[in-house]
């Protein structure tokens, strides 16, 4: 569902950007948990890790269906 792009800032620093590849559906999977690990270029390399939690919110993507075409009140 996702891929990570590495972007460069004007000051030369880099930052990750999480990009959505396909639409999410809460009925299929209501939550995603991703682990992002960054390594520097040192020897020995240093690293940092964080967990990303994505909660998928639902929108009404189904048109309403009624038993009758017309209701009178």
N, C-alpha and C. Protein backbone atom coordinates (compact mmCIF):
# COMPACT_ATOMS: atom_id res chain seq x y z
N UNK A 1 0.80 -1.21 0.00
CA UNK A 1 0.00 0.00 0.00
C UNK A 1 0.84 1.28 0.00
N UNK A 2 2.08 1.19 0.46
CA UNK A 2 2.91 2.38 0.63
C UNK A 2 4.31 2.15 0.07
N UNK A 3 4.99 3.25 -0.20
CA UNK A 3 6.43 3.21 -0.41
C UNK A 3 7.02 4.47 0.22
N UNK A 4 8.31 4.45 0.46
CA UNK A 4 8.99 5.57 1.11
C UNK A 4 9.89 6.26 0.11
N UNK A 5 9.75 7.57 0.01
CA UNK A 5 10.65 8.40 -0.80
C UNK A 5 11.60 9.11 0.15
N UNK A 6 12.82 9.27 -0.28
CA UNK A 6 13.77 10.06 0.49
C UNK A 6 13.91 11.40 -0.21
N UNK A 7 13.55 12.45 0.51
CA UNK A 7 13.59 13.81 -0.04
C UNK A 7 14.78 14.56 0.54
N UNK A 8 15.28 15.54 -0.20
CA UNK A 8 16.39 16.38 0.25
C UNK A 8 15.90 17.79 0.52
N UNK A 9 16.29 18.32 1.66
CA UNK A 9 15.97 19.71 1.99
C UNK A 9 17.03 20.62 1.38
N UNK A 10 16.73 21.90 1.34
CA UNK A 10 17.67 22.86 0.76
C UNK A 10 18.97 22.95 1.55
N UNK A 11 18.92 22.57 2.84
CA UNK A 11 20.14 22.61 3.66
C UNK A 11 20.95 21.31 3.57
N UNK A 12 20.53 20.39 2.69
CA UNK A 12 21.26 19.14 2.48
C UNK A 12 20.78 17.98 3.33
N UNK A 13 19.92 18.25 4.31
CA UNK A 13 19.40 17.16 5.14
C UNK A 13 18.35 16.36 4.37
N UNK A 14 18.21 15.11 4.73
CA UNK A 14 17.26 14.23 4.07
C UNK A 14 16.10 13.93 5.02
N UNK A 15 14.93 13.65 4.44
CA UNK A 15 13.79 13.24 5.25
C UNK A 15 12.94 12.25 4.46
N UNK A 16 12.30 11.30 5.16
CA UNK A 16 11.47 10.31 4.48
C UNK A 16 10.06 10.85 4.26
N UNK A 17 9.46 10.42 3.17
CA UNK A 17 8.08 10.77 2.88
C UNK A 17 7.33 9.48 2.55
N UNK A 18 6.28 9.19 3.30
CA UNK A 18 5.48 8.00 3.08
C UNK A 18 4.44 8.31 2.01
N UNK A 19 4.43 7.51 0.93
CA UNK A 19 3.55 7.77 -0.21
C UNK A 19 2.56 6.61 -0.34
N UNK A 20 1.29 6.96 -0.47
CA UNK A 20 0.23 5.97 -0.63
C UNK A 20 0.19 5.50 -2.08
N UNK A 21 0.27 4.18 -2.30
CA UNK A 21 0.26 3.63 -3.66
C UNK A 21 -1.14 3.25 -4.13
N UNK A 22 -1.98 2.79 -3.20
CA UNK A 22 -3.34 2.42 -3.58
C UNK A 22 -4.28 2.77 -2.45
N UNK A 23 -5.53 2.92 -2.78
CA UNK A 23 -6.54 3.35 -1.80
C UNK A 23 -6.64 2.36 -0.65
N UNK A 24 -6.93 2.89 0.52
CA UNK A 24 -7.11 2.07 1.71
C UNK A 24 -8.59 1.84 1.94
N UNK A 25 -8.94 0.67 2.47
CA UNK A 25 -10.32 0.33 2.77
C UNK A 25 -10.38 -0.19 4.20
N UNK A 26 -11.10 0.52 5.06
CA UNK A 26 -11.17 0.14 6.47
C UNK A 26 -11.77 -1.24 6.66
N UNK A 27 -12.69 -1.65 5.78
CA UNK A 27 -13.28 -2.98 5.90
C UNK A 27 -12.26 -4.08 5.62
N UNK A 28 -11.30 -3.82 4.76
CA UNK A 28 -10.25 -4.80 4.47
C UNK A 28 -9.18 -4.83 5.56
N UNK A 29 -8.70 -3.67 5.92
CA UNK A 29 -7.64 -3.57 6.93
C UNK A 29 -7.77 -2.21 7.62
N UNK A 30 -8.22 -2.21 8.89
CA UNK A 30 -8.48 -0.95 9.57
C UNK A 30 -7.24 -0.25 10.13
N UNK A 31 -6.10 -0.94 10.13
CA UNK A 31 -4.91 -0.37 10.75
C UNK A 31 -3.65 -0.93 10.10
N UNK A 32 -2.65 -0.09 9.99
CA UNK A 32 -1.34 -0.52 9.50
C UNK A 32 -0.31 -0.11 10.54
N UNK A 33 0.69 -0.94 10.74
CA UNK A 33 1.82 -0.62 11.61
C UNK A 33 3.08 -0.85 10.80
N UNK A 34 3.87 0.20 10.67
CA UNK A 34 5.10 0.14 9.91
C UNK A 34 6.26 0.50 10.82
N UNK A 35 7.40 -0.11 10.59
CA UNK A 35 8.61 0.24 11.33
C UNK A 35 9.58 0.91 10.38
N UNK A 36 10.00 2.12 10.73
CA UNK A 36 10.96 2.87 9.92
C UNK A 36 12.29 2.89 10.65
N UNK A 37 13.32 2.41 9.98
CA UNK A 37 14.66 2.40 10.55
C UNK A 37 15.57 3.22 9.66
N UNK A 38 16.29 4.16 10.26
CA UNK A 38 17.23 5.00 9.52
C UNK A 38 18.65 4.67 9.97
N UNK A 39 19.56 4.55 9.02
CA UNK A 39 20.97 4.28 9.29
C UNK A 39 21.81 5.44 8.76
N UNK A 40 22.83 5.83 9.50
CA UNK A 40 23.75 6.82 8.97
C UNK A 40 24.85 6.09 8.20
N UNK A 41 25.74 6.82 7.61
CA UNK A 41 26.80 6.21 6.81
C UNK A 41 28.07 5.97 7.58
N UNK A 42 27.99 6.01 8.91
CA UNK A 42 29.19 5.89 9.73
C UNK A 42 29.69 4.46 9.87
N UNK A 43 30.82 4.35 10.53
CA UNK A 43 31.41 3.05 10.80
C UNK A 43 31.85 3.04 12.27
N UNK A 44 31.18 2.35 13.14
CA UNK A 44 29.99 1.55 12.88
C UNK A 44 28.77 2.44 12.65
N UNK A 45 27.80 1.94 11.89
CA UNK A 45 26.62 2.75 11.61
C UNK A 45 25.76 2.94 12.86
N UNK A 46 25.18 4.11 12.98
CA UNK A 46 24.21 4.37 14.02
C UNK A 46 22.83 4.31 13.39
N UNK A 47 21.85 3.96 14.21
CA UNK A 47 20.50 3.83 13.65
C UNK A 47 19.48 4.40 14.62
N UNK A 48 18.32 4.67 14.08
CA UNK A 48 17.16 5.09 14.85
C UNK A 48 15.94 4.41 14.27
N UNK A 49 15.03 4.03 15.13
CA UNK A 49 13.84 3.30 14.69
C UNK A 49 12.60 3.94 15.29
N UNK A 50 11.54 4.00 14.51
CA UNK A 50 10.25 4.46 15.02
C UNK A 50 9.14 3.62 14.41
N UNK A 51 8.06 3.49 15.14
CA UNK A 51 6.89 2.77 14.64
C UNK A 51 5.87 3.78 14.16
N UNK A 52 5.31 3.52 12.99
CA UNK A 52 4.29 4.38 12.41
C UNK A 52 2.98 3.60 12.46
N UNK A 53 1.98 4.19 13.08
CA UNK A 53 0.66 3.56 13.16
C UNK A 53 -0.30 4.38 12.31
N UNK A 54 -0.97 3.70 11.37
CA UNK A 54 -1.92 4.36 10.49
C UNK A 54 -3.29 3.78 10.76
N UNK A 55 -4.21 4.62 11.22
CA UNK A 55 -5.59 4.21 11.44
C UNK A 55 -6.41 4.64 10.23
N UNK A 56 -7.09 3.70 9.61
CA UNK A 56 -7.86 3.98 8.41
C UNK A 56 -9.27 4.36 8.84
N UNK A 57 -9.67 5.59 8.52
CA UNK A 57 -11.01 6.05 8.83
C UNK A 57 -11.93 5.73 7.67
N UNK A 58 -13.19 5.51 7.98
CA UNK A 58 -14.15 5.11 6.96
C UNK A 58 -14.90 6.32 6.43
N UNK A 59 -15.13 6.31 5.15
CA UNK A 59 -16.06 7.25 4.54
C UNK A 59 -17.20 6.43 3.97
N UNK A 60 -18.32 7.04 3.77
CA UNK A 60 -19.46 6.30 3.23
C UNK A 60 -19.26 6.14 1.73
N UNK A 61 -18.59 5.04 1.35
CA UNK A 61 -18.28 4.82 -0.05
C UNK A 61 -19.33 3.97 -0.76
N UNK A 62 -20.40 3.62 -0.05
CA UNK A 62 -21.48 2.84 -0.65
C UNK A 62 -22.74 3.68 -0.69
N UNK A 63 -23.37 3.74 -1.85
CA UNK A 63 -24.62 4.48 -1.97
C UNK A 63 -25.70 3.79 -1.15
N UNK A 64 -26.60 4.56 -0.53
CA UNK A 64 -27.66 3.93 0.26
C UNK A 64 -28.62 3.13 -0.62
N UNK A 65 -29.15 2.05 -0.07
CA UNK A 65 -30.12 1.23 -0.78
C UNK A 65 -31.40 1.20 0.03
N UNK A 66 -32.54 1.34 -0.65
CA UNK A 66 -33.83 1.36 0.00
C UNK A 66 -34.70 0.24 -0.57
N UNK A 67 -35.61 -0.28 0.27
CA UNK A 67 -36.51 -1.34 -0.17
C UNK A 67 -37.56 -0.83 -1.14
N UNK A 68 -37.96 0.44 -0.96
CA UNK A 68 -38.97 1.04 -1.82
C UNK A 68 -38.35 2.22 -2.57
N UNK A 69 -38.97 2.56 -3.70
CA UNK A 69 -38.49 3.70 -4.45
C UNK A 69 -38.97 5.02 -3.85
N UNK A 70 -40.17 5.00 -3.23
CA UNK A 70 -40.78 6.20 -2.68
C UNK A 70 -41.33 5.90 -1.30
N UNK A 71 -41.06 6.80 -0.34
CA UNK A 71 -41.61 6.72 1.01
C UNK A 71 -42.41 8.00 1.25
N UNK A 72 -43.62 7.86 1.82
CA UNK A 72 -44.44 9.02 2.13
C UNK A 72 -44.66 9.08 3.63
N UNK A 73 -44.63 10.32 4.19
CA UNK A 73 -44.87 10.48 5.62
C UNK A 73 -45.92 11.56 5.83
